[in-house]
Amino acid sequence: MEDNEYQPDWDVYFCQIESKPAFIGLDLNLSSVAPLEEQEKVVEVTVPVLSVREDGFPEDTEWEALGEIEDLLADIFETGLEAVFVGKTLNGGFRKFYFYAREVLMVEHYLNEVAEKFPQYSFEAETWEDPEWETYLEFLFPEPADVQKIQNAKVLRHLEEAGDNPTVSRKVEHWIYFPDEASREKYWQEISTKGYAKEEEGFEPDFEKLHYKLEVSSESKTEEEPINDMVLYLWRLAQEYGAKYDGWETSIESDGANEAPQ
């Protein structure tokens, strides 16, 4: 992938791996191009955390070192192996990094370069064939509901950076697209009992065969829990009607009143 053609979109989400709490970070945008031709071999690098809390995550003092390991490992593997850094996990006292590469014969050589810079850590690499990119698409990539939460978090970060006060209730608008008028009406009848207001209905001839638009709104604070509860309710209900929930936006309640689209 050429740098001027592809823009990565890294994000992190919380989940469980083998019934233990975990964080997974990954480049979400790779899902639009995966699997990459000839990048068929996974390289998994495991680094045990030195100072582990009861939940399996590192103490605050260790995050900086783990970040430095990640930066150097990604730089050396991407340069030396022409590998693609796709994701990482943090779980049960282990940090793991995942790459896809054409050839893996020099993995240990390049891993030793990293290990020399961090003698207090141990490093282990495993490789396997994965032409369908199942490790990325099925293990690292979040479930659809988690993808929606990640999108919500991006909007909330944008609001925070713009000086929004999340404790102020305001109108939040949502867009949903349906395959026909009947499903749109049934959807509206259900959510209208939950305090939602209808903003607009329309017909969008160019929208992915889901031409029947419904724009609704509700009052909410822009804190994580109420936003996720509201959005996931609308999103899950849309799945039941063969519809697509297409995001939300709201005003910035501080000095200004700019829109913050998802």
C-alpha atoms as a PDB file:
ATOM      1  CA  MET A   1       0.000   0.000   0.000  1.00  0.00           C
ATOM      2  CA  GLU A   2       1.301   3.420  -0.951  1.00  0.00           C
ATOM      3  CA  ASP A   3       1.204   6.036   1.794  1.00  0.00           C
ATOM      4  CA  ASN A   4      -0.424   8.570  -0.500  1.00  0.00           C
ATOM      5  CA  GLU A   5      -3.210   6.138  -1.412  1.00  0.00           C
ATOM      6  CA  TYR A   6      -4.144   4.685   1.957  1.00  0.00           C
ATOM      7  CA  GLN A   7      -4.977   6.371   5.255  1.00  0.00           C
ATOM      8  CA  PRO A   8      -4.969   4.141   8.365  1.00  0.00           C
ATOM      9  CA  ASP A   9      -7.664   4.502  11.013  1.00  0.00           C
ATOM     10  CA  TRP A  10      -6.363   3.130  14.313  1.00  0.00           C
ATOM     11  CA  ASP A  11      -8.653   2.736  17.275  1.00  0.00           C
ATOM     12  CA  VAL A  12      -8.975   0.653  20.440  1.00  0.00           C
ATOM     13  CA  TYR A  13     -11.897  -1.211  21.981  1.00  0.00           C
ATOM     14  CA  PHE A  14     -12.506  -3.229  25.140  1.00  0.00           C
ATOM     15  CA  CYS A  15     -13.608  -6.888  25.011  1.00  0.00           C
ATOM     16  CA  GLN A  16     -12.764 -10.270  26.498  1.00  0.00           C
ATOM     17  CA  ILE A  17     -10.259 -12.849  25.298  1.00  0.00           C
ATOM     18  CA  GLU A  18     -10.508 -16.288  26.910  1.00  0.00           C
ATOM     19  CA  SER A  19     -12.897 -14.844  29.509  1.00  0.00           C
ATOM     20  CA  LYS A  20     -10.370 -12.206  30.599  1.00  0.00           C
ATOM     21  CA  PRO A  21     -10.626  -8.439  30.028  1.00  0.00           C
ATOM     22  CA  ALA A  22      -8.739  -7.255  26.973  1.00  0.00           C
ATOM     23  CA  PHE A  23      -8.007  -4.245  24.835  1.00  0.00           C
ATOM     24  CA  ILE A  24      -7.674  -4.691  21.086  1.00  0.00           C
ATOM     25  CA  GLY A  25      -6.217  -1.968  18.920  1.00  0.00           C
ATOM     26  CA  LEU A  26      -6.305  -2.202  15.141  1.00  0.00           C
ATOM     27  CA  ASP A  27      -6.333  -0.345  11.853  1.00  0.00           C
ATOM     28  CA  LEU A  28     -10.047  -0.373  11.053  1.00  0.00           C
ATOM     29  CA  ASN A  29      -9.597   0.837   7.475  1.00  0.00           C
ATOM     30  CA  LEU A  30      -7.765  -2.333   6.470  1.00  0.00           C
ATOM     31  CA  SER A  31     -11.119  -4.120   6.437  1.00  0.00           C
ATOM     32  CA  SER A  32     -11.923  -2.284   3.191  1.00  0.00           C
ATOM     33  CA  VAL A  33      -8.895  -3.757   1.383  1.00  0.00           C
ATOM     34  CA  ALA A  34      -8.243  -7.062   3.196  1.00  0.00           C
ATOM     35  CA  PRO A  35      -6.922  -9.533   2.355  1.00  0.00           C
ATOM     36  CA  LEU A  36      -3.897  -7.911   0.709  1.00  0.00           C
ATOM     37  CA  GLU A  37      -2.451  -9.903  -2.158  1.00  0.00           C
ATOM     38  CA  GLU A  38       0.734 -11.793  -1.252  1.00  0.00           C
ATOM     39  CA  GLN A  39       0.680 -10.549   2.371  1.00  0.00           C
ATOM     40  CA  GLU A  40      -0.420 -14.003   3.501  1.00  0.00           C
ATOM     41  CA  LYS A  41       1.740 -14.762   6.529  1.00  0.00           C
ATOM     42  CA  VAL A  42       0.911 -13.631  10.063  1.00  0.00           C
ATOM     43  CA  VAL A  43       3.667 -12.593  12.433  1.00  0.00           C
ATOM     44  CA  GLU A  44       2.554 -12.571  16.081  1.00  0.00           C
ATOM     45  CA  VAL A  45       4.992 -11.012  18.537  1.00  0.00           C
ATOM     46  CA  THR A  46       4.327 -11.656  22.234  1.00  0.00           C
ATOM     47  CA  VAL A  47       5.803  -9.439  24.955  1.00  0.00           C
ATOM     48  CA  PRO A  48       5.075 -10.296  28.616  1.00  0.00           C
ATOM     49  CA  VAL A  49       4.170  -7.247  30.697  1.00  0.00           C
ATOM     50  CA  LEU A  50       6.614  -6.662  33.574  1.00  0.00           C
ATOM     51  CA  SER A  51       4.271  -5.012  36.106  1.00  0.00           C
ATOM     52  CA  VAL A  52       0.824  -6.590  35.867  1.00  0.00           C
ATOM     53  CA  ARG A  53      -2.279  -5.430  37.719  1.00  0.00           C
ATOM     54  CA  GLU A  54      -4.958  -7.869  38.898  1.00  0.00           C
ATOM     55  CA  ASP A  55      -6.974  -7.228  35.723  1.00  0.00           C
ATOM     56  CA  GLY A  56      -4.044  -8.295  33.540  1.00  0.00           C
ATOM     57  CA  PHE A  57      -3.196  -4.791  32.332  1.00  0.00           C
ATOM     58  CA  PRO A  58       0.125  -3.013  32.976  1.00  0.00           C
ATOM     59  CA  GLU A  59       0.788  -0.506  35.712  1.00  0.00           C
ATOM     60  CA  ASP A  60       0.700   3.125  34.564  1.00  0.00           C
ATOM     61  CA  THR A  61       4.484   3.382  34.693  1.00  0.00           C
ATOM     62  CA  GLU A  62       4.920   0.724  31.984  1.00  0.00           C
ATOM     63  CA  TRP A  63       2.756   2.196  29.225  1.00  0.00           C
ATOM     64  CA  GLU A  64       5.548   4.412  27.909  1.00  0.00           C
ATOM     65  CA  ALA A  65       7.976   1.512  27.452  1.00  0.00           C
ATOM     66  CA  LEU A  66       5.328  -0.625  25.731  1.00  0.00           C
ATOM     67  CA  GLY A  67       4.598   2.261  23.392  1.00  0.00           C
ATOM     68  CA  GLU A  68       8.278   2.587  22.527  1.00  0.00           C
ATOM     69  CA  ILE A  69       8.458  -1.149  21.808  1.00  0.00           C
ATOM     70  CA  GLU A  70       5.452  -0.860  19.508  1.00  0.00           C
ATOM     71  CA  ASP A  71       6.921   2.059  17.580  1.00  0.00           C
ATOM     72  CA  LEU A  72      10.295   0.403  17.048  1.00  0.00           C
ATOM     73  CA  LEU A  73       8.815  -3.000  16.218  1.00  0.00           C
ATOM     74  CA  ALA A  74       6.443  -1.504  13.649  1.00  0.00           C
ATOM     75  CA  ASP A  75       9.231   0.565  12.082  1.00  0.00           C
ATOM     76  CA  ILE A  76      11.681  -2.338  11.785  1.00  0.00           C
ATOM     77  CA  PHE A  77       9.120  -4.896  10.560  1.00  0.00           C
ATOM     78  CA  GLU A  78       7.538  -2.517   8.074  1.00  0.00           C
ATOM     79  CA  THR A  79      10.948  -1.546   6.691  1.00  0.00           C
ATOM     80  CA  GLY A  80      12.786  -4.857   6.869  1.00  0.00           C
ATOM     81  CA  LEU A  81       9.968  -7.317   6.168  1.00  0.00           C
ATOM     82  CA  GLU A  82       7.688  -4.967   4.210  1.00  0.00           C
ATOM     83  CA  ALA A  83       5.088  -6.133   6.708  1.00  0.00           C
ATOM     84  CA  VAL A  84       1.728  -4.498   7.420  1.00  0.00           C
ATOM     85  CA  PHE A  85       1.033  -3.736  11.084  1.00  0.00           C
ATOM     86  CA  VAL A  86      -2.631  -4.625  11.553  1.00  0.00           C
ATOM     87  CA  GLY A  87      -3.356  -4.802  15.263  1.00  0.00           C
ATOM     88  CA  LYS A  88      -2.393  -5.477  18.862  1.00  0.00           C
ATOM     89  CA  THR A  89      -3.921  -7.027  21.974  1.00  0.00           C
ATOM     90  CA  LEU A  90      -3.418  -6.496  25.691  1.00  0.00           C
ATOM     91  CA  ASN A  91      -4.727  -9.343  27.822  1.00  0.00           C
ATOM     92  CA  GLY A  92      -3.727 -11.484  30.788  1.00  0.00           C
ATOM     93  CA  GLY A  93      -0.358  -9.815  31.258  1.00  0.00           C
ATOM     94  CA  PHE A  94       0.722 -10.059  27.600  1.00  0.00           C
ATOM     95  CA  ARG A  95       1.053  -7.470  24.844  1.00  0.00           C
ATOM     96  CA  LYS A  96       0.790  -9.029  21.379  1.00  0.00           C
ATOM     97  CA  PHE A  97       1.445  -7.375  18.024  1.00  0.00           C
ATOM     98  CA  TYR A  98       0.172  -8.659  14.671  1.00  0.00           C
ATOM     99  CA  PHE A  99       1.656  -8.156  11.218  1.00  0.00           C
ATOM    100  CA  TYR A 100       1.070  -9.590   7.750  1.00  0.00           C
ATOM    101  CA  ALA A 101       4.112 -10.205   5.557  1.00  0.00           C
ATOM    102  CA  ARG A 102       5.114 -11.865   2.299  1.00  0.00           C
ATOM    103  CA  GLU A 103       8.130 -13.655   3.776  1.00  0.00           C
ATOM    104  CA  VAL A 104       8.963 -14.450   7.406  1.00  0.00           C
ATOM    105  CA  LEU A 105      12.439 -15.985   7.188  1.00  0.00           C
ATOM    106  CA  MET A 106      14.048 -12.887   8.716  1.00  0.00           C
ATOM    107  CA  VAL A 107      11.557 -12.389  11.539  1.00  0.00           C
ATOM    108  CA  GLU A 108      13.927 -13.517  14.297  1.00  0.00           C
ATOM    109  CA  HIS A 109      16.725 -11.351  12.914  1.00  0.00           C
ATOM    110  CA  TYR A 110      14.635  -8.200  13.008  1.00  0.00           C
ATOM    111  CA  LEU A 111      13.026  -9.121  16.318  1.00  0.00           C
ATOM    112  CA  ASN A 112      16.487  -9.388  17.851  1.00  0.00           C
ATOM    113  CA  GLU A 113      17.130  -5.793  16.789  1.00  0.00           C
ATOM    114  CA  VAL A 114      14.156  -4.732  18.887  1.00  0.00           C
ATOM    115  CA  ALA A 115      15.077  -6.992  21.801  1.00  0.00           C
ATOM    116  CA  GLU A 116      18.573  -5.473  21.994  1.00  0.00           C
ATOM    117  CA  LYS A 117      17.010  -2.072  22.689  1.00  0.00           C
ATOM    118  CA  PHE A 118      14.796  -3.452  25.480  1.00  0.00           C
ATOM    119  CA  PRO A 119      16.883  -6.024  27.399  1.00  0.00           C
ATOM    120  CA  GLN A 120      14.478  -6.007  30.345  1.00  0.00           C
ATOM    121  CA  TYR A 121      11.753  -7.570  28.149  1.00  0.00           C
ATOM    122  CA  SER A 122      11.429 -10.975  26.516  1.00  0.00           C
ATOM    123  CA  PHE A 123      10.139 -11.359  22.966  1.00  0.00           C
ATOM    124  CA  GLU A 124       8.655 -14.353  21.185  1.00  0.00           C
ATOM    125  CA  ALA A 125       7.464 -14.597  17.579  1.00  0.00           C
ATOM    126  CA  GLU A 126       5.139 -17.076  15.919  1.00  0.00           C
ATOM    127  CA  THR A 127       4.172 -17.188  12.245  1.00  0.00           C
ATOM    128  CA  TRP A 128       1.474 -18.941  10.249  1.00  0.00           C
ATOM    129  CA  GLU A 129      -0.232 -18.880   6.892  1.00  0.00           C
ATOM    130  CA  ASP A 130      -3.429 -16.831   6.728  1.00  0.00           C
ATOM    131  CA  PRO A 131      -4.301 -15.965   3.107  1.00  0.00           C
ATOM    132  CA  GLU A 132      -7.885 -15.012   4.033  1.00  0.00           C
ATOM    133  CA  TRP A 133      -6.729 -12.704   6.829  1.00  0.00           C
ATOM    134  CA  GLU A 134      -8.878 -14.495   9.385  1.00  0.00           C
ATOM    135  CA  THR A 135      -6.672 -13.307  12.260  1.00  0.00           C
ATOM    136  CA  TYR A 136      -7.440  -9.716  11.365  1.00  0.00           C
ATOM    137  CA  LEU A 137     -11.033 -10.049  10.141  1.00  0.00           C
ATOM    138  CA  GLU A 138     -12.328 -12.610  12.638  1.00  0.00           C
ATOM    139  CA  PHE A 139     -10.119 -12.249  15.720  1.00  0.00           C
ATOM    140  CA  LEU A 140      -8.963  -8.623  15.871  1.00  0.00           C
ATOM    141  CA  PHE A 141     -11.838  -6.890  14.115  1.00  0.00           C
ATOM    142  CA  PRO A 142     -14.684  -5.835  16.442  1.00  0.00           C
ATOM    143  CA  GLU A 143     -18.237  -7.102  16.356  1.00  0.00           C
ATOM    144  CA  PRO A 144     -20.688  -4.748  14.586  1.00  0.00           C
ATOM    145  CA  ALA A 145     -22.017  -3.312  17.860  1.00  0.00           C
ATOM    146  CA  ASP A 146     -18.452  -2.562  18.960  1.00  0.00           C
ATOM    147  CA  VAL A 147     -17.793  -0.838  15.624  1.00  0.00           C
ATOM    148  CA  GLN A 148     -20.759   1.428  16.343  1.00  0.00           C
ATOM    149  CA  LYS A 149     -19.404   2.177  19.826  1.00  0.00           C
ATOM    150  CA  ILE A 150     -16.048   3.079  18.294  1.00  0.00           C
ATOM    151  CA  GLN A 151     -17.778   5.479  15.902  1.00  0.00           C
ATOM    152  CA  ASN A 152     -19.661   7.000  18.828  1.00  0.00           C
ATOM    153  CA  ALA A 153     -16.406   7.464  20.730  1.00  0.00           C
ATOM    154  CA  LYS A 154     -14.875   9.311  17.782  1.00  0.00           C
ATOM    155  CA  VAL A 155     -17.733  11.799  17.739  1.00  0.00           C
ATOM    156  CA  LEU A 156     -17.534  12.237  21.516  1.00  0.00           C
ATOM    157  CA  ARG A 157     -13.783  12.913  21.262  1.00  0.00           C
ATOM    158  CA  HIS A 158     -14.461  15.499  18.563  1.00  0.00           C
ATOM    159  CA  LEU A 159     -17.033  17.166  20.797  1.00  0.00           C
ATOM    160  CA  GLU A 160     -14.670  17.160  23.762  1.00  0.00           C
ATOM    161  CA  GLU A 161     -11.870  18.690  21.696  1.00  0.00           C
ATOM    162  CA  ALA A 162     -14.281  21.406  20.584  1.00  0.00           C
ATOM    163  CA  GLY A 163     -15.041  22.306  24.200  1.00  0.00           C
ATOM    164  CA  ASP A 164     -18.393  20.599  24.556  1.00  0.00           C
ATOM    165  CA  ASN A 165     -19.946  20.232  28.016  1.00  0.00           C
ATOM    166  CA  PRO A 166     -21.197  16.606  28.021  1.00  0.00           C
ATOM    167  CA  THR A 167     -23.489  17.146  31.010  1.00  0.00           C
ATOM    168  CA  VAL A 168     -25.738  19.518  29.044  1.00  0.00           C
ATOM    169  CA  SER A 169     -28.775  17.866  27.471  1.00  0.00           C
ATOM    170  CA  ARG A 170     -29.458  18.826  23.858  1.00  0.00           C
ATOM    171  CA  LYS A 171     -31.084  17.572  20.674  1.00  0.00           C
ATOM    172  CA  VAL A 172     -29.305  14.628  19.028  1.00  0.00           C
ATOM    173  CA  GLU A 173     -30.330  13.800  15.451  1.00  0.00           C
ATOM    174  CA  HIS A 174     -30.145  10.345  13.832  1.00  0.00           C
ATOM    175  CA  TRP A 175     -30.477   9.033  10.246  1.00  0.00           C
ATOM    176  CA  ILE A 176     -31.853   5.614   9.293  1.00  0.00           C
ATOM    177  CA  TYR A 177     -32.411   4.270   5.758  1.00  0.00           C
ATOM    178  CA  PHE A 178     -34.997   1.602   4.864  1.00  0.00           C
ATOM    179  CA  PRO A 179     -35.750  -0.713   1.928  1.00  0.00           C
ATOM    180  CA  ASP A 180     -39.427   0.355   1.757  1.00  0.00           C
ATOM    181  CA  GLU A 181     -42.011   2.679   3.254  1.00  0.00           C
ATOM    182  CA  ALA A 182     -43.697  -0.070   5.271  1.00  0.00           C
ATOM    183  CA  SER A 183     -40.568  -0.931   7.274  1.00  0.00           C
ATOM    184  CA  ARG A 184     -39.865   2.752   7.838  1.00  0.00           C
ATOM    185  CA  GLU A 185     -43.363   3.305   9.213  1.00  0.00           C
ATOM    186  CA  LYS A 186     -43.198   0.272  11.512  1.00  0.00           C
ATOM    187  CA  TYR A 187     -39.822   1.412  12.818  1.00  0.00           C
ATOM    188  CA  TRP A 188     -41.151   4.887  13.470  1.00  0.00           C
ATOM    189  CA  GLN A 189     -44.213   3.574  15.256  1.00  0.00           C
ATOM    190  CA  GLU A 190     -41.978   1.615  17.616  1.00  0.00           C
ATOM    191  CA  ILE A 191     -39.488   4.364  18.465  1.00  0.00           C
ATOM    192  CA  SER A 192     -42.169   7.066  18.727  1.00  0.00           C
ATOM    193  CA  THR A 193     -43.233   5.473  22.010  1.00  0.00           C
ATOM    194  CA  LYS A 194     -39.677   5.947  23.349  1.00  0.00           C
ATOM    195  CA  GLY A 195     -39.669   9.736  23.176  1.00  0.00           C
ATOM    196  CA  TYR A 196     -38.166  10.228  19.708  1.00  0.00           C
ATOM    197  CA  ALA A 197     -39.363  13.048  17.466  1.00  0.00           C
ATOM    198  CA  LYS A 198     -39.635  12.814  13.691  1.00  0.00           C
ATOM    199  CA  GLU A 199     -37.513  15.443  11.940  1.00  0.00           C
ATOM    200  CA  GLU A 200     -37.884  14.440   8.290  1.00  0.00           C
ATOM    201  CA  GLU A 201     -38.809  11.658   5.887  1.00  0.00           C
ATOM    202  CA  GLY A 202     -37.447  11.443   2.375  1.00  0.00           C
ATOM    203  CA  PHE A 203     -36.537   9.377  -0.661  1.00  0.00           C
ATOM    204  CA  GLU A 204     -32.844   8.993  -1.510  1.00  0.00           C
ATOM    205  CA  PRO A 205     -32.448   7.308  -4.931  1.00  0.00           C
ATOM    206  CA  ASP A 206     -28.677   6.889  -4.627  1.00  0.00           C
ATOM    207  CA  PHE A 207     -28.409   5.369  -1.153  1.00  0.00           C
ATOM    208  CA  GLU A 208     -27.383   1.677  -1.356  1.00  0.00           C
ATOM    209  CA  LYS A 209     -30.849   0.377  -2.341  1.00  0.00           C
ATOM    210  CA  LEU A 210     -32.143   1.666   1.002  1.00  0.00           C
ATOM    211  CA  HIS A 211     -33.964   4.672  -0.415  1.00  0.00           C
ATOM    212  CA  TYR A 212     -36.391   5.563   2.350  1.00  0.00           C
ATOM    213  CA  LYS A 213     -34.835   7.991   4.811  1.00  0.00           C
ATOM    214  CA  LEU A 214     -35.994   8.710   8.320  1.00  0.00           C
ATOM    215  CA  GLU A 215     -34.436  11.460  10.409  1.00  0.00           C
ATOM    216  CA  VAL A 216     -35.362  11.462  14.092  1.00  0.00           C
ATOM    217  CA  SER A 217     -34.159  13.244  17.197  1.00  0.00           C
ATOM    218  CA  SER A 218     -34.135  12.902  20.958  1.00  0.00           C
ATOM    219  CA  GLU A 219     -32.831  14.820  23.946  1.00  0.00           C
ATOM    220  CA  SER A 220     -29.613  13.514  25.493  1.00  0.00           C
ATOM    221  CA  LYS A 221     -26.397  14.422  27.233  1.00  0.00           C
ATOM    222  CA  THR A 222     -23.222  13.627  25.311  1.00  0.00           C
ATOM    223  CA  GLU A 223     -21.780  11.287  27.904  1.00  0.00           C
ATOM    224  CA  GLU A 224     -20.626   7.852  26.772  1.00  0.00           C
ATOM    225  CA  GLU A 225     -23.285   5.717  28.470  1.00  0.00           C
ATOM    226  CA  PRO A 226     -26.438   7.583  27.353  1.00  0.00           C
ATOM    227  CA  ILE A 227     -25.086   8.020  23.828  1.00  0.00           C
ATOM    228  CA  ASN A 228     -24.241   4.323  23.461  1.00  0.00           C
ATOM    229  CA  ASP A 229     -27.586   3.243  24.955  1.00  0.00           C
ATOM    230  CA  MET A 230     -29.507   5.487  22.564  1.00  0.00           C
ATOM    231  CA  VAL A 231     -27.504   4.744  19.427  1.00  0.00           C
ATOM    232  CA  LEU A 232     -27.304   0.987  19.960  1.00  0.00           C
ATOM    233  CA  TYR A 233     -31.048   0.815  20.528  1.00  0.00           C
ATOM    234  CA  LEU A 234     -31.706   2.543  17.192  1.00  0.00           C
ATOM    235  CA  TRP A 235     -28.945   0.563  15.466  1.00  0.00           C
ATOM    236  CA  ARG A 236     -30.156  -2.851  16.666  1.00  0.00           C
ATOM    237  CA  LEU A 237     -33.759  -2.075  15.824  1.00  0.00           C
ATOM    238  CA  ALA A 238     -32.679  -1.024  12.336  1.00  0.00           C
ATOM    239  CA  GLN A 239     -31.145  -4.488  11.818  1.00  0.00           C
ATOM    240  CA  GLU A 240     -34.533  -6.058  12.542  1.00  0.00           C
ATOM    241  CA  TYR A 241     -36.134  -4.048   9.724  1.00  0.00           C
ATOM    242  CA  GLY A 242     -33.380  -4.585   7.157  1.00  0.00           C
ATOM    243  CA  ALA A 243     -32.439  -0.925   7.544  1.00  0.00           C
ATOM    244  CA  LYS A 244     -29.153   0.910   8.044  1.00  0.00           C
ATOM    245  CA  TYR A 245     -28.459   3.240  10.933  1.00  0.00           C
ATOM    246  CA  ASP A 246     -26.302   5.958   9.354  1.00  0.00           C
ATOM    247  CA  GLY A 247     -25.020   8.018  12.247  1.00  0.00           C
ATOM    248  CA  TRP A 248     -25.830  10.937  14.493  1.00  0.00           C
ATOM    249  CA  GLU A 249     -24.893  14.525  15.123  1.00  0.00           C
ATOM    250  CA  THR A 250     -25.533  17.196  17.671  1.00  0.00           C
ATOM    251  CA  SER A 251     -24.610  20.737  18.662  1.00  0.00           C
ATOM    252  CA  ILE A 252     -21.573  21.701  20.707  1.00  0.00           C
ATOM    253  CA  GLU A 253     -22.875  23.124  23.946  1.00  0.00           C
ATOM    254  CA  SER A 254     -20.177  25.506  25.027  1.00  0.00           C
ATOM    255  CA  ASP A 255     -19.131  28.815  23.487  1.00  0.00           C
ATOM    256  CA  GLY A 256     -20.352  27.888  20.029  1.00  0.00           C
ATOM    257  CA  ALA A 257     -23.032  25.758  18.399  1.00  0.00           C
ATOM    258  CA  ASN A 258     -21.261  23.995  15.546  1.00  0.00           C
ATOM    259  CA  GLU A 259     -22.456  20.649  14.264  1.00  0.00           C
ATOM    260  CA  ALA A 260     -20.498  17.492  15.045  1.00  0.00           C
ATOM    261  CA  PRO A 261     -21.431  14.805  12.495  1.00  0.00           C
ATOM    262  CA  GLN A 262     -20.633  11.125  12.816  1.00  0.00           C
END
